[in-house]
């Protein structure tokens, strides 16, 4: 029963992401910005 519920939630999440592609883009942009920030801090620490 739990498997069916989790599959259903996964499907609805996929549908949501397909209907709202800007959510994926937004998440990707945030992810890239975090990586850039970490990289920048690491570079400054080395100096």
C-alpha atoms as a PDB file:
ATOM      1  CA  UNK A   1       0.000   0.000   0.000  1.00  0.00           C
ATOM      2  CA  UNK A   2       2.798   2.435   0.920  1.00  0.00           C
ATOM      3  CA  UNK A   3       4.468   1.683  -2.440  1.00  0.00           C
ATOM      4  CA  UNK A   4       1.293   2.729  -4.322  1.00  0.00           C
ATOM      5  CA  UNK A   5       1.090   6.004  -2.331  1.00  0.00           C
ATOM      6  CA  UNK A   6       4.776   6.818  -2.902  1.00  0.00           C
ATOM      7  CA  UNK A   7       4.431   6.028  -6.627  1.00  0.00           C
ATOM      8  CA  UNK A   8       1.381   8.310  -6.811  1.00  0.00           C
ATOM      9  CA  UNK A   9       3.228  11.143  -5.027  1.00  0.00           C
ATOM     10  CA  UNK A  10       6.189  10.671  -7.401  1.00  0.00           C
ATOM     11  CA  UNK A  11       3.863  10.834 -10.423  1.00  0.00           C
ATOM     12  CA  UNK A  12       2.128  13.990  -9.190  1.00  0.00           C
ATOM     13  CA  UNK A  13       5.511  15.604  -8.517  1.00  0.00           C
ATOM     14  CA  UNK A  14       6.624  14.740 -12.064  1.00  0.00           C
ATOM     15  CA  UNK A  15       3.378  16.174 -13.466  1.00  0.00           C
ATOM     16  CA  UNK A  16       3.874  19.331 -11.390  1.00  0.00           C
ATOM     17  CA  UNK A  17       7.445  19.749 -12.691  1.00  0.00           C
ATOM     18  CA  UNK A  18       6.343  19.147 -16.297  1.00  0.00           C
ATOM     19  CA  UNK A  19       3.537  21.713 -15.914  1.00  0.00           C
ATOM     20  CA  UNK A  20       5.872  24.192 -14.181  1.00  0.00           C
ATOM     21  CA  UNK A  21       9.261  23.984 -15.972  1.00  0.00           C
ATOM     22  CA  UNK A  22      10.338  27.278 -14.391  1.00  0.00           C
ATOM     23  CA  UNK A  23      10.480  25.434 -11.049  1.00  0.00           C
ATOM     24  CA  UNK A  24      13.213  23.159 -12.460  1.00  0.00           C
ATOM     25  CA  UNK A  25      15.033  26.165 -13.953  1.00  0.00           C
ATOM     26  CA  UNK A  26      14.786  28.040 -10.635  1.00  0.00           C
ATOM     27  CA  UNK A  27      16.106  25.062  -8.672  1.00  0.00           C
ATOM     28  CA  UNK A  28      18.958  24.656 -11.183  1.00  0.00           C
ATOM     29  CA  UNK A  29      19.879  28.353 -10.957  1.00  0.00           C
ATOM     30  CA  UNK A  30      19.910  28.211  -7.133  1.00  0.00           C
ATOM     31  CA  UNK A  31      22.052  25.046  -7.288  1.00  0.00           C
ATOM     32  CA  UNK A  32      24.573  26.716  -9.639  1.00  0.00           C
ATOM     33  CA  UNK A  33      24.696  29.860  -7.474  1.00  0.00           C
ATOM     34  CA  UNK A  34      25.444  27.769  -4.363  1.00  0.00           C
ATOM     35  CA  UNK A  35      28.280  25.972  -6.199  1.00  0.00           C
ATOM     36  CA  UNK A  36      29.667  29.315  -7.426  1.00  0.00           C
ATOM     37  CA  UNK A  37      29.529  30.696  -3.880  1.00  0.00           C
ATOM     38  CA  UNK A  38      31.313  27.655  -2.399  1.00  0.00           C
ATOM     39  CA  UNK A  39      33.952  27.802  -5.163  1.00  0.00           C
ATOM     40  CA  UNK A  40      34.474  31.534  -4.563  1.00  0.00           C
ATOM     41  CA  UNK A  41      34.886  31.048  -0.789  1.00  0.00           C
ATOM     42  CA  UNK A  42      37.336  28.151  -1.364  1.00  0.00           C
ATOM     43  CA  UNK A  43      39.384  30.293  -3.767  1.00  0.00           C
ATOM     44  CA  UNK A  44      39.550  33.164  -1.258  1.00  0.00           C
ATOM     45  CA  UNK A  45      40.620  30.856   1.588  1.00  0.00           C
ATOM     46  CA  UNK A  46      43.613  29.575  -0.408  1.00  0.00           C
ATOM     47  CA  UNK A  47      45.136  33.073  -0.800  1.00  0.00           C
END
